[in-house]
Amino acid sequence: KCHEEKALEFTRPCHVQACGRADPCRVPFVVHAILKMRGVVASRWNKQAEELLSDAFAASVNWKRKSSELLFESGDVNVLSSSPWRASDDTMFGETAVEGGDEELGMQFVVEASIFNFNAAVPQYEEHKGASRAATCRESDLRPLAETALQVHKELSRANFIVSLVEAMKKDLNQQIGQGNHVSAFTSIFEAGSNLVQQSKVVTSWTIKTDIKGTPFKGKGRSFDGIFPFVLLIILAGAIAVYVSFRKRRVPLKEKTREPRTKTIKSSTRRHVTRRNRRLGADLNTNDDDLEDLISRNGNKDRQKHPGLDEASIGSLSTYLARTSSR
C-alpha cells in the first residue's frame, strides 16, 4: 500500500510555472537545455524519475559551489519535456543519425532552470480580488542575473557535466533504494562498466529573457501603475473637445459668406460683422435668426458627414474611453 511519511515531508523554494515565469520581475531569465541520455527507459519514466533528474541537474550545475554561491536550486528546475530518444532523431540537430533507424536509444529532455531575482519587491498582499499581484523590480537588477545565466551555460558546457549529473542521480537513487524503491528509468546508465554515460550529452542550451516591460516601476515609495492610461484618456478627450469647438466656429463663418444679400436689418443693435466677412464681401444684413438657422442646418450636414461628432456622441466616447481604460 502507498502511504505518506510525515517525517519525510519537506518544503523548498519554488520559482517555476505559476510562481516563476508568470511573474517576470521574480524570474527575469530562464535557461533551457536539451539533454540526451543513453539507456534511460521511457516506459519506466514517472514523477519520481522526474524529481530525480531535477535534483541532480541542480546539483551538477552547482558542482563544487558553496551553499551561498548557488546559481539556482532544485525547486527552480522544471522538466518541460521528456520523450524517447530514437536513432533517427539526431538529424534534427544537424548530427549524423545513429544506425538503427527507429530503435530506442534512451530518452531526451528539455529542462528549464529559473534564475530568481531576490531583489524583487514582493507585494505585501500576494493576492488582490483573486488574482496574484506582480512583484516590482528595476533594470539594475538584471545585469547580475544575466551573468548568473551565463555561468549556467558555462557549467552545461563542461566536458564532465553528464558524468556529474549521473553521479548525483546515482547518489540520490541509492537513498531511495534504501527506502524500498528499487526500479528506476535510469538503472541501466548506473551499471558499472557501462559506456552509456559517454554516449549521453548536452545537445544545446539557450536563455530566454522574460518580459518586464509591462510591470510597474516603483520608486521613492510611489507606484506609477495605472497613471499612463489615465493621462492618455485626458489627452484624447481634450483633443476631441478642441476639434468639435473648432468645427462649430468655422462652419457658421463659411455659410455666412454665401448667404444672399436680400435681407435687411431692422435694428442696428443686432448687427454683427467680422473683419473676415468684410474682406470676403459678406453682407451686413445677417441677423441672429439667420445665424441660428445656419448653425442648425450646418449642424445637420455635419451630423450626416460625421455622425459621431455631436455632443451626445462625444459624451458616449468619453464614457467608452473611461470604461476601456480600466481594462
C-alpha atoms as a PDB file:
ATOM      1  CA  LYS A   1       0.000   0.000   0.000  1.00  0.00           C
ATOM      2  CA  CYS A   2       1.043   3.591  -0.658  1.00  0.00           C
ATOM      3  CA  HIS A   3       1.222   5.909   2.319  1.00  0.00           C
ATOM      4  CA  GLU A   4       2.783   9.222   3.294  1.00  0.00           C
ATOM      5  CA  GLU A   5       5.540   9.523   5.856  1.00  0.00           C
ATOM      6  CA  LYS A   6       5.164  12.796   7.743  1.00  0.00           C
ATOM      7  CA  ALA A   7       8.760  12.575   8.901  1.00  0.00           C
ATOM      8  CA  LEU A   8       9.966  12.619   5.277  1.00  0.00           C
ATOM      9  CA  GLU A   9       7.988  15.691   4.244  1.00  0.00           C
ATOM     10  CA  PHE A  10       9.986  18.796   3.393  1.00  0.00           C
ATOM     11  CA  THR A  11       9.488  22.153   1.685  1.00  0.00           C
ATOM     12  CA  ARG A  12      11.742  24.032  -0.708  1.00  0.00           C
ATOM     13  CA  PRO A  13      11.667  27.377  -2.555  1.00  0.00           C
ATOM     14  CA  CYS A  14       9.783  27.132  -5.838  1.00  0.00           C
ATOM     15  CA  HIS A  15      10.326  29.529  -8.734  1.00  0.00           C
ATOM     16  CA  VAL A  16       8.770  27.650 -11.646  1.00  0.00           C
ATOM     17  CA  GLN A  17       5.489  27.866 -13.548  1.00  0.00           C
ATOM     18  CA  ALA A  18       2.871  29.942 -11.658  1.00  0.00           C
ATOM     19  CA  CYS A  19       5.348  31.199  -9.050  1.00  0.00           C
ATOM     20  CA  GLY A  20       8.139  31.775 -11.556  1.00  0.00           C
ATOM     21  CA  ARG A  21       7.999  32.884 -15.158  1.00  0.00           C
ATOM     22  CA  ALA A  22       4.429  34.151 -14.740  1.00  0.00           C
ATOM     23  CA  ASP A  23       5.936  36.999 -12.668  1.00  0.00           C
ATOM     24  CA  PRO A  24       8.795  38.396 -14.822  1.00  0.00           C
ATOM     25  CA  CYS A  25      10.304  40.543 -12.065  1.00  0.00           C
ATOM     26  CA  ARG A  26      10.810  37.495  -9.882  1.00  0.00           C
ATOM     27  CA  VAL A  27      12.236  35.387 -12.728  1.00  0.00           C
ATOM     28  CA  PRO A  28      13.682  37.684 -15.432  1.00  0.00           C
ATOM     29  CA  PHE A  29      15.652  34.855 -17.106  1.00  0.00           C
ATOM     30  CA  VAL A  30      15.113  31.147 -17.744  1.00  0.00           C
ATOM     31  CA  VAL A  31      17.767  28.801 -19.110  1.00  0.00           C
ATOM     32  CA  HIS A  32      16.699  25.882 -21.303  1.00  0.00           C
ATOM     33  CA  ALA A  33      18.824  22.842 -22.083  1.00  0.00           C
ATOM     34  CA  ILE A  34      18.288  19.753 -24.246  1.00  0.00           C
ATOM     35  CA  LEU A  35      19.756  16.568 -22.774  1.00  0.00           C
ATOM     36  CA  LYS A  36      20.054  13.165 -24.431  1.00  0.00           C
ATOM     37  CA  MET A  37      20.734  10.271 -22.100  1.00  0.00           C
ATOM     38  CA  ARG A  38      21.554   6.834 -23.467  1.00  0.00           C
ATOM     39  CA  GLY A  39      19.998   3.787 -21.807  1.00  0.00           C
ATOM     40  CA  VAL A  40      17.185   5.595 -19.964  1.00  0.00           C
ATOM     41  CA  VAL A  41      13.977   3.554 -20.297  1.00  0.00           C
ATOM     42  CA  ALA A  42      10.972   5.635 -21.384  1.00  0.00           C
ATOM     43  CA  SER A  43       8.430   3.057 -20.200  1.00  0.00           C
ATOM     44  CA  ARG A  44       9.717   3.483 -16.630  1.00  0.00           C
ATOM     45  CA  TRP A  45       9.561   7.279 -16.669  1.00  0.00           C
ATOM     46  CA  ASN A  46       7.415   8.672 -13.855  1.00  0.00           C
ATOM     47  CA  LYS A  47       7.167  11.589 -11.447  1.00  0.00           C
ATOM     48  CA  GLN A  48       9.793  10.071  -9.188  1.00  0.00           C
ATOM     49  CA  ALA A  49      12.275   9.875 -12.069  1.00  0.00           C
ATOM     50  CA  GLU A  50      11.475  13.486 -12.977  1.00  0.00           C
ATOM     51  CA  GLU A  51      12.242  14.634  -9.431  1.00  0.00           C
ATOM     52  CA  LEU A  52      15.465  12.630  -9.511  1.00  0.00           C
ATOM     53  CA  LEU A  53      16.574  14.377 -12.723  1.00  0.00           C
ATOM     54  CA  SER A  54      15.602  17.849 -11.442  1.00  0.00           C
ATOM     55  CA  ASP A  55      17.533  17.463  -8.192  1.00  0.00           C
ATOM     56  CA  ALA A  56      20.583  16.043  -9.954  1.00  0.00           C
ATOM     57  CA  PHE A  57      20.507  18.761 -12.633  1.00  0.00           C
ATOM     58  CA  ALA A  58      20.660  21.497  -9.979  1.00  0.00           C
ATOM     59  CA  ALA A  59      23.387  19.657  -8.070  1.00  0.00           C
ATOM     60  CA  SER A  60      25.500  19.171 -11.200  1.00  0.00           C
ATOM     61  CA  VAL A  61      25.240  22.808 -12.351  1.00  0.00           C
ATOM     62  CA  ASN A  62      26.206  23.937  -8.834  1.00  0.00           C
ATOM     63  CA  TRP A  63      29.090  21.448  -8.788  1.00  0.00           C
ATOM     64  CA  LYS A  64      31.708  22.433  -6.161  1.00  0.00           C
ATOM     65  CA  ARG A  65      29.835  25.622  -5.209  1.00  0.00           C
ATOM     66  CA  LYS A  66      29.123  26.711  -1.658  1.00  0.00           C
ATOM     67  CA  SER A  67      25.527  26.964  -0.489  1.00  0.00           C
ATOM     68  CA  SER A  68      25.776  30.768  -0.633  1.00  0.00           C
ATOM     69  CA  GLU A  69      27.001  30.682  -4.256  1.00  0.00           C
ATOM     70  CA  LEU A  70      24.299  28.508  -5.835  1.00  0.00           C
ATOM     71  CA  LEU A  71      23.153  29.618  -9.295  1.00  0.00           C
ATOM     72  CA  PHE A  72      19.703  28.131  -8.651  1.00  0.00           C
ATOM     73  CA  GLU A  73      18.151  25.416  -6.504  1.00  0.00           C
ATOM     74  CA  SER A  74      16.336  22.174  -7.286  1.00  0.00           C
ATOM     75  CA  GLY A  75      12.983  23.901  -6.800  1.00  0.00           C
ATOM     76  CA  ASP A  76      13.897  26.199  -9.708  1.00  0.00           C
ATOM     77  CA  VAL A  77      14.168  23.289 -12.167  1.00  0.00           C
ATOM     78  CA  ASN A  78      11.290  22.140 -14.340  1.00  0.00           C
ATOM     79  CA  VAL A  79      11.389  19.256 -16.838  1.00  0.00           C
ATOM     80  CA  LEU A  80       9.359  20.694 -19.711  1.00  0.00           C
ATOM     81  CA  SER A  81       9.531  17.674 -21.997  1.00  0.00           C
ATOM     82  CA  SER A  82      10.551  14.019 -21.802  1.00  0.00           C
ATOM     83  CA  SER A  83      10.369  11.659 -24.775  1.00  0.00           C
ATOM     84  CA  PRO A  84      12.103   8.583 -26.211  1.00  0.00           C
ATOM     85  CA  TRP A  85      15.392   9.224 -27.992  1.00  0.00           C
ATOM     86  CA  ARG A  86      15.449   7.349 -31.273  1.00  0.00           C
ATOM     87  CA  ALA A  87      18.337   6.919 -33.696  1.00  0.00           C
ATOM     88  CA  SER A  88      16.632   8.980 -36.405  1.00  0.00           C
ATOM     89  CA  ASP A  89      16.106  11.972 -34.079  1.00  0.00           C
ATOM     90  CA  ASP A  90      19.714  13.186 -34.297  1.00  0.00           C
ATOM     91  CA  THR A  91      19.264  14.606 -37.799  1.00  0.00           C
ATOM     92  CA  MET A  92      17.125  17.468 -36.451  1.00  0.00           C
ATOM     93  CA  PHE A  93      20.270  18.961 -34.848  1.00  0.00           C
ATOM     94  CA  GLY A  94      22.454  18.502 -37.912  1.00  0.00           C
ATOM     95  CA  GLU A  95      24.161  15.447 -36.442  1.00  0.00           C
ATOM     96  CA  THR A  96      24.781  12.149 -38.157  1.00  0.00           C
ATOM     97  CA  ALA A  97      21.974   9.695 -37.447  1.00  0.00           C
ATOM     98  CA  VAL A  98      22.912   6.707 -35.334  1.00  0.00           C
ATOM     99  CA  GLU A  99      22.454   3.343 -37.001  1.00  0.00           C
ATOM    100  CA  GLY A 100      19.263   1.607 -36.016  1.00  0.00           C
ATOM    101  CA  GLY A 101      16.508   3.739 -37.535  1.00  0.00           C
ATOM    102  CA  ASP A 102      13.660   3.940 -35.028  1.00  0.00           C
ATOM    103  CA  GLU A 103      15.472   1.955 -32.368  1.00  0.00           C
ATOM    104  CA  GLU A 104      15.011   3.495 -28.918  1.00  0.00           C
ATOM    105  CA  LEU A 105      18.412   4.603 -27.644  1.00  0.00           C
ATOM    106  CA  GLY A 106      17.303   6.312 -24.438  1.00  0.00           C
ATOM    107  CA  MET A 107      15.417   9.476 -23.546  1.00  0.00           C
ATOM    108  CA  GLN A 108      15.739  13.160 -24.413  1.00  0.00           C
ATOM    109  CA  PHE A 109      14.704  16.006 -22.128  1.00  0.00           C
ATOM    110  CA  VAL A 110      14.084  19.738 -22.264  1.00  0.00           C
ATOM    111  CA  VAL A 111      14.990  21.137 -18.857  1.00  0.00           C
ATOM    112  CA  GLU A 112      14.246  24.679 -17.682  1.00  0.00           C
ATOM    113  CA  ALA A 113      16.068  26.470 -14.852  1.00  0.00           C
ATOM    114  CA  SER A 114      14.620  29.706 -13.440  1.00  0.00           C
ATOM    115  CA  ILE A 115      17.039  32.489 -12.485  1.00  0.00           C
ATOM    116  CA  PHE A 116      15.354  34.074  -9.483  1.00  0.00           C
ATOM    117  CA  ASN A 117      15.616  37.768  -8.581  1.00  0.00           C
ATOM    118  CA  PHE A 118      15.956  38.012  -4.808  1.00  0.00           C
ATOM    119  CA  ASN A 119      15.808  41.822  -5.044  1.00  0.00           C
ATOM    120  CA  ALA A 120      12.271  41.834  -6.466  1.00  0.00           C
ATOM    121  CA  ALA A 121       9.861  43.799  -4.284  1.00  0.00           C
ATOM    122  CA  VAL A 122       7.131  41.319  -3.386  1.00  0.00           C
ATOM    123  CA  PRO A 123       3.729  42.949  -2.659  1.00  0.00           C
ATOM    124  CA  GLN A 124       2.538  42.923   0.934  1.00  0.00           C
ATOM    125  CA  TYR A 125      -0.617  41.063  -0.060  1.00  0.00           C
ATOM    126  CA  GLU A 126       0.032  38.243  -2.503  1.00  0.00           C
ATOM    127  CA  GLU A 127      -3.488  38.293  -3.953  1.00  0.00           C
ATOM    128  CA  HIS A 128      -5.950  41.015  -4.877  1.00  0.00           C
ATOM    129  CA  LYS A 129      -9.509  40.128  -5.915  1.00  0.00           C
ATOM    130  CA  GLY A 130      -8.480  36.536  -6.599  1.00  0.00           C
ATOM    131  CA  ALA A 131      -5.520  37.483  -8.836  1.00  0.00           C
ATOM    132  CA  SER A 132      -1.854  37.303  -7.894  1.00  0.00           C
ATOM    133  CA  ARG A 133      -0.080  40.625  -7.511  1.00  0.00           C
ATOM    134  CA  ALA A 134       3.053  41.090  -9.598  1.00  0.00           C
ATOM    135  CA  ALA A 135       6.343  41.986  -7.966  1.00  0.00           C
ATOM    136  CA  THR A 136       8.217  45.155  -8.921  1.00  0.00           C
ATOM    137  CA  CYS A 137      11.855  45.463  -9.926  1.00  0.00           C
ATOM    138  CA  ARG A 138      14.463  47.702 -11.520  1.00  0.00           C
ATOM    139  CA  GLU A 139      16.541  47.349 -14.677  1.00  0.00           C
ATOM    140  CA  SER A 140      19.651  47.422 -12.488  1.00  0.00           C
ATOM    141  CA  ASP A 141      18.612  44.014 -11.100  1.00  0.00           C
ATOM    142  CA  LEU A 142      19.083  42.352 -14.486  1.00  0.00           C
ATOM    143  CA  ARG A 143      22.841  42.600 -15.061  1.00  0.00           C
ATOM    144  CA  PRO A 144      23.958  40.287 -12.222  1.00  0.00           C
ATOM    145  CA  LEU A 145      21.177  37.844 -13.120  1.00  0.00           C
ATOM    146  CA  ALA A 146      22.295  37.825 -16.762  1.00  0.00           C
ATOM    147  CA  GLU A 147      25.782  36.933 -15.520  1.00  0.00           C
ATOM    148  CA  THR A 148      24.237  34.106 -13.497  1.00  0.00           C
ATOM    149  CA  ALA A 149      22.564  32.755 -16.654  1.00  0.00           C
ATOM    150  CA  LEU A 150      25.930  32.914 -18.431  1.00  0.00           C
ATOM    151  CA  GLN A 151      27.527  30.896 -15.637  1.00  0.00           C
ATOM    152  CA  VAL A 152      24.820  28.250 -16.039  1.00  0.00           C
ATOM    153  CA  HIS A 153      25.723  27.893 -19.736  1.00  0.00           C
ATOM    154  CA  LYS A 154      29.389  27.529 -18.842  1.00  0.00           C
ATOM    155  CA  GLU A 155      28.565  24.733 -16.412  1.00  0.00           C
ATOM    156  CA  LEU A 156      26.422  22.970 -19.018  1.00  0.00           C
ATOM    157  CA  SER A 157      29.347  23.063 -21.469  1.00  0.00           C
ATOM    158  CA  ARG A 158      31.703  21.275 -19.043  1.00  0.00           C
ATOM    159  CA  ALA A 159      33.125  18.085 -20.509  1.00  0.00           C
ATOM    160  CA  ASN A 160      32.199  16.120 -17.398  1.00  0.00           C
ATOM    161  CA  PHE A 161      28.731  17.638 -16.876  1.00  0.00           C
ATOM    162  CA  ILE A 162      26.845  14.451 -17.792  1.00  0.00           C
ATOM    163  CA  VAL A 163      29.203  12.408 -15.599  1.00  0.00           C
ATOM    164  CA  SER A 164      28.476  14.620 -12.587  1.00  0.00           C
ATOM    165  CA  LEU A 165      24.744  14.536 -13.437  1.00  0.00           C
ATOM    166  CA  VAL A 166      24.666  10.731 -13.439  1.00  0.00           C
ATOM    167  CA  GLU A 167      26.728  10.553 -10.237  1.00  0.00           C
ATOM    168  CA  ALA A 168      24.278  12.910  -8.497  1.00  0.00           C
ATOM    169  CA  MET A 169      21.320  10.790  -9.647  1.00  0.00           C
ATOM    170  CA  LYS A 170      23.028   7.601  -8.550  1.00  0.00           C
ATOM    171  CA  LYS A 171      23.627   9.033  -5.088  1.00  0.00           C
ATOM    172  CA  ASP A 172      20.001  10.107  -4.714  1.00  0.00           C
ATOM    173  CA  LEU A 173      18.736   6.800  -6.096  1.00  0.00           C
ATOM    174  CA  ASN A 174      20.739   4.822  -3.545  1.00  0.00           C
ATOM    175  CA  GLN A 175      18.920   6.743  -0.832  1.00  0.00           C
ATOM    176  CA  GLN A 176      15.578   5.922  -2.470  1.00  0.00           C
ATOM    177  CA  ILE A 177      16.535   2.251  -2.734  1.00  0.00           C
ATOM    178  CA  GLY A 178      17.134   2.293   0.992  1.00  0.00           C
ATOM    179  CA  GLN A 179      13.525   3.450   1.317  1.00  0.00           C
ATOM    180  CA  GLY A 180      12.256   0.499  -0.744  1.00  0.00           C
ATOM    181  CA  ASN A 181      12.402   1.922  -4.299  1.00  0.00           C
ATOM    182  CA  HIS A 182      14.424  -0.468  -6.477  1.00  0.00           C
ATOM    183  CA  VAL A 183      13.403   0.248 -10.071  1.00  0.00           C
ATOM    184  CA  SER A 184      14.254   3.435 -11.939  1.00  0.00           C
ATOM    185  CA  ALA A 185      14.262   4.639 -15.528  1.00  0.00           C
ATOM    186  CA  PHE A 186      17.982   5.378 -15.036  1.00  0.00           C
ATOM    187  CA  THR A 187      19.022   1.954 -13.704  1.00  0.00           C
ATOM    188  CA  SER A 188      20.876   0.888 -16.876  1.00  0.00           C
ATOM    189  CA  ILE A 189      23.026   4.005 -17.051  1.00  0.00           C
ATOM    190  CA  PHE A 190      24.212   3.376 -13.482  1.00  0.00           C
ATOM    191  CA  GLU A 191      25.635  -0.075 -14.208  1.00  0.00           C
ATOM    192  CA  ALA A 192      29.356  -0.443 -13.656  1.00  0.00           C
ATOM    193  CA  GLY A 193      31.416  -0.721 -16.839  1.00  0.00           C
ATOM    194  CA  SER A 194      28.651   0.796 -18.944  1.00  0.00           C
ATOM    195  CA  ASN A 195      29.673   3.319 -21.599  1.00  0.00           C
ATOM    196  CA  LEU A 196      26.166   4.805 -21.750  1.00  0.00           C
ATOM    197  CA  VAL A 197      27.317   7.889 -19.846  1.00  0.00           C
ATOM    198  CA  GLN A 198      29.931   8.678 -22.521  1.00  0.00           C
ATOM    199  CA  GLN A 199      27.244   8.391 -25.203  1.00  0.00           C
ATOM    200  CA  SER A 200      24.974  10.845 -23.388  1.00  0.00           C
ATOM    201  CA  LYS A 201      25.292  14.604 -23.983  1.00  0.00           C
ATOM    202  CA  VAL A 202      24.011  18.134 -23.609  1.00  0.00           C
ATOM    203  CA  VAL A 203      22.852  18.951 -27.140  1.00  0.00           C
ATOM    204  CA  THR A 204      22.365  22.704 -26.720  1.00  0.00           C
ATOM    205  CA  SER A 205      21.239  25.386 -24.289  1.00  0.00           C
ATOM    206  CA  TRP A 206      19.819  28.902 -24.536  1.00  0.00           C
ATOM    207  CA  THR A 207      18.486  31.724 -22.363  1.00  0.00           C
ATOM    208  CA  ILE A 208      15.081  33.403 -22.578  1.00  0.00           C
ATOM    209  CA  LYS A 209      14.574  36.879 -21.117  1.00  0.00           C
ATOM    210  CA  THR A 210      11.057  37.220 -19.765  1.00  0.00           C
ATOM    211  CA  ASP A 211       9.152  40.430 -20.493  1.00  0.00           C
ATOM    212  CA  ILE A 212       9.261  43.024 -17.694  1.00  0.00           C
ATOM    213  CA  LYS A 213       8.040  45.980 -19.811  1.00  0.00           C
ATOM    214  CA  GLY A 214       4.502  45.671 -18.549  1.00  0.00           C
ATOM    215  CA  THR A 215       5.416  45.620 -14.879  1.00  0.00           C
ATOM    216  CA  PRO A 216       5.046  48.788 -12.826  1.00  0.00           C
ATOM    217  CA  PHE A 217       8.182  50.701 -11.904  1.00  0.00           C
ATOM    218  CA  LYS A 218       8.308  51.540  -8.260  1.00  0.00           C
ATOM    219  CA  GLY A 219      10.455  54.353  -6.952  1.00  0.00           C
ATOM    220  CA  LYS A 220      10.564  56.547  -3.844  1.00  0.00           C
ATOM    221  CA  GLY A 221       7.654  54.703  -2.309  1.00  0.00           C
ATOM    222  CA  ARG A 222       5.230  55.547  -5.130  1.00  0.00           C
ATOM    223  CA  SER A 223       3.814  53.195  -7.674  1.00  0.00           C
ATOM    224  CA  PHE A 224       3.107  54.651 -11.118  1.00  0.00           C
ATOM    225  CA  ASP A 225       0.985  51.752 -12.304  1.00  0.00           C
ATOM    226  CA  GLY A 226      -2.258  52.930 -13.927  1.00  0.00           C
ATOM    227  CA  ILE A 227      -1.296  56.610 -14.418  1.00  0.00           C
ATOM    228  CA  PHE A 228      -0.437  56.375 -18.100  1.00  0.00           C
ATOM    229  CA  PRO A 229      -3.869  55.095 -19.237  1.00  0.00           C
ATOM    230  CA  PHE A 230      -5.481  57.937 -17.271  1.00  0.00           C
ATOM    231  CA  VAL A 231      -3.219  60.560 -18.899  1.00  0.00           C
ATOM    232  CA  LEU A 232      -3.962  59.100 -22.327  1.00  0.00           C
ATOM    233  CA  LEU A 233      -7.694  59.344 -21.630  1.00  0.00           C
ATOM    234  CA  ILE A 234      -7.382  63.039 -20.725  1.00  0.00           C
ATOM    235  CA  ILE A 235      -5.351  63.793 -23.872  1.00  0.00           C
ATOM    236  CA  LEU A 236      -7.867  62.057 -26.152  1.00  0.00           C
ATOM    237  CA  ALA A 237     -10.857  63.743 -24.525  1.00  0.00           C
ATOM    238  CA  GLY A 238      -9.158  67.154 -24.787  1.00  0.00           C
ATOM    239  CA  ALA A 239      -8.294  66.640 -28.454  1.00  0.00           C
ATOM    240  CA  ILE A 240     -11.885  65.700 -29.276  1.00  0.00           C
ATOM    241  CA  ALA A 241     -13.270  68.724 -27.407  1.00  0.00           C
ATOM    242  CA  VAL A 242     -10.911  71.120 -29.246  1.00  0.00           C
ATOM    243  CA  TYR A 243     -11.820  69.601 -32.606  1.00  0.00           C
ATOM    244  CA  VAL A 244     -15.569  69.924 -32.007  1.00  0.00           C
ATOM    245  CA  SER A 245     -15.193  73.534 -30.800  1.00  0.00           C
ATOM    246  CA  PHE A 246     -13.153  74.425 -33.886  1.00  0.00           C
ATOM    247  CA  ARG A 247     -15.744  72.892 -36.212  1.00  0.00           C
ATOM    248  CA  LYS A 248     -18.587  74.828 -34.584  1.00  0.00           C
ATOM    249  CA  ARG A 249     -16.784  78.161 -35.006  1.00  0.00           C
ATOM    250  CA  ARG A 250     -15.601  77.567 -38.539  1.00  0.00           C
ATOM    251  CA  VAL A 251     -18.801  76.288 -40.157  1.00  0.00           C
ATOM    252  CA  PRO A 252     -21.094  79.341 -39.462  1.00  0.00           C
ATOM    253  CA  LEU A 253     -18.475  81.733 -40.872  1.00  0.00           C
ATOM    254  CA  LYS A 254     -18.275  79.791 -44.134  1.00  0.00           C
ATOM    255  CA  GLU A 255     -22.037  79.685 -44.583  1.00  0.00           C
ATOM    256  CA  LYS A 256     -22.352  83.333 -43.614  1.00  0.00           C
ATOM    257  CA  THR A 257     -20.275  84.451 -46.615  1.00  0.00           C
ATOM    258  CA  ARG A 258     -22.518  82.537 -49.033  1.00  0.00           C
ATOM    259  CA  GLU A 259     -25.874  83.960 -47.835  1.00  0.00           C
ATOM    260  CA  PRO A 260     -27.763  86.074 -50.495  1.00  0.00           C
ATOM    261  CA  ARG A 261     -27.763  89.847 -49.909  1.00  0.00           C
ATOM    262  CA  THR A 262     -31.544  90.208 -49.798  1.00  0.00           C
ATOM    263  CA  LYS A 263     -32.300  90.593 -46.138  1.00  0.00           C
ATOM    264  CA  THR A 264     -32.252  93.814 -44.127  1.00  0.00           C
ATOM    265  CA  ILE A 265     -31.537  94.619 -40.558  1.00  0.00           C
ATOM    266  CA  LYS A 266     -34.329  96.244 -38.529  1.00  0.00           C
ATOM    267  CA  SER A 267     -32.204  97.228 -35.585  1.00  0.00           C
ATOM    268  CA  SER A 268     -28.621  98.420 -35.582  1.00  0.00           C
ATOM    269  CA  THR A 269     -28.072  96.778 -32.228  1.00  0.00           C
ATOM    270  CA  ARG A 270     -28.396  93.311 -33.835  1.00  0.00           C
ATOM    271  CA  ARG A 271     -25.671  93.897 -36.401  1.00  0.00           C
ATOM    272  CA  HIS A 272     -22.616  91.734 -36.006  1.00  0.00           C
ATOM    273  CA  VAL A 273     -19.903  91.537 -38.612  1.00  0.00           C
ATOM    274  CA  THR A 274     -16.272  90.457 -38.536  1.00  0.00           C
ATOM    275  CA  ARG A 275     -13.280  91.708 -40.448  1.00  0.00           C
ATOM    276  CA  ARG A 276     -13.164  88.370 -42.215  1.00  0.00           C
ATOM    277  CA  ASN A 277     -16.721  88.889 -43.520  1.00  0.00           C
ATOM    278  CA  ARG A 278     -15.849  92.373 -44.793  1.00  0.00           C
ATOM    279  CA  ARG A 279     -12.757  91.009 -46.579  1.00  0.00           C
ATOM    280  CA  LEU A 280     -14.805  88.296 -48.265  1.00  0.00           C
ATOM    281  CA  GLY A 281     -17.563  90.724 -49.270  1.00  0.00           C
ATOM    282  CA  ALA A 282     -20.179  89.430 -46.875  1.00  0.00           C
ATOM    283  CA  ASP A 283     -23.373  91.500 -46.464  1.00  0.00           C
ATOM    284  CA  LEU A 284     -24.141  93.294 -43.201  1.00  0.00           C
ATOM    285  CA  ASN A 285     -27.749  92.125 -43.385  1.00  0.00           C
ATOM    286  CA  THR A 286     -27.405  88.854 -41.466  1.00  0.00           C
ATOM    287  CA  ASN A 287     -29.431  88.623 -38.278  1.00  0.00           C
ATOM    288  CA  ASP A 288     -29.281  86.310 -35.275  1.00  0.00           C
ATOM    289  CA  ASP A 289     -32.193  84.210 -36.500  1.00  0.00           C
ATOM    290  CA  ASP A 290     -30.318  83.507 -39.715  1.00  0.00           C
ATOM    291  CA  LEU A 291     -27.218  82.535 -37.746  1.00  0.00           C
ATOM    292  CA  GLU A 292     -29.238  80.115 -35.682  1.00  0.00           C
ATOM    293  CA  ASP A 293     -30.701  78.699 -38.866  1.00  0.00           C
ATOM    294  CA  LEU A 294     -27.260  78.343 -40.410  1.00  0.00           C
ATOM    295  CA  ILE A 295     -25.918  76.634 -37.310  1.00  0.00           C
ATOM    296  CA  SER A 296     -28.901  74.312 -37.291  1.00  0.00           C
ATOM    297  CA  ARG A 297     -28.604  73.428 -40.971  1.00  0.00           C
ATOM    298  CA  ASN A 298     -24.860  73.138 -40.841  1.00  0.00           C
ATOM    299  CA  GLY A 299     -25.101  71.005 -37.750  1.00  0.00           C
ATOM    300  CA  ASN A 300     -27.349  68.609 -39.646  1.00  0.00           C
ATOM    301  CA  LYS A 301     -24.868  68.475 -42.514  1.00  0.00           C
ATOM    302  CA  ASP A 302     -22.025  67.730 -40.144  1.00  0.00           C
ATOM    303  CA  ARG A 303     -24.007  65.011 -38.461  1.00  0.00           C
ATOM    304  CA  GLN A 304     -24.653  63.419 -41.839  1.00  0.00           C
ATOM    305  CA  LYS A 305     -20.973  63.524 -42.751  1.00  0.00           C
ATOM    306  CA  HIS A 306     -19.652  62.766 -39.261  1.00  0.00           C
ATOM    307  CA  PRO A 307     -22.485  61.230 -37.245  1.00  0.00           C
ATOM    308  CA  GLY A 308     -20.104  60.527 -34.363  1.00  0.00           C
ATOM    309  CA  LEU A 309     -19.167  64.170 -33.678  1.00  0.00           C
ATOM    310  CA  ASP A 310     -22.272  65.556 -31.974  1.00  0.00           C
ATOM    311  CA  GLU A 311     -22.409  66.309 -28.244  1.00  0.00           C
ATOM    312  CA  ALA A 312     -24.175  63.045 -27.360  1.00  0.00           C
ATOM    313  CA  SER A 313     -21.568  61.030 -29.242  1.00  0.00           C
ATOM    314  CA  ILE A 314     -18.739  62.889 -27.538  1.00  0.00           C
ATOM    315  CA  GLY A 315     -20.249  62.043 -24.166  1.00  0.00           C
ATOM    316  CA  SER A 316     -20.594  58.406 -25.208  1.00  0.00           C
ATOM    317  CA  LEU A 317     -16.994  58.328 -26.441  1.00  0.00           C
ATOM    318  CA  SER A 318     -15.734  59.760 -23.146  1.00  0.00           C
ATOM    319  CA  THR A 319     -17.759  57.142 -21.295  1.00  0.00           C
ATOM    320  CA  TYR A 320     -16.333  54.426 -23.543  1.00  0.00           C
ATOM    321  CA  LEU A 321     -12.755  55.630 -23.014  1.00  0.00           C
ATOM    322  CA  ALA A 322     -13.320  55.757 -19.263  1.00  0.00           C
ATOM    323  CA  ARG A 323     -14.612  52.182 -19.285  1.00  0.00           C
ATOM    324  CA  THR A 324     -11.898  50.731 -21.520  1.00  0.00           C
ATOM    325  CA  SER A 325      -9.055  52.470 -19.697  1.00  0.00           C
ATOM    326  CA  SER A 326      -9.679  50.293 -16.664  1.00  0.00           C
ATOM    327  CA  ARG A 327      -9.310  47.060 -18.637  1.00  0.00           C
END
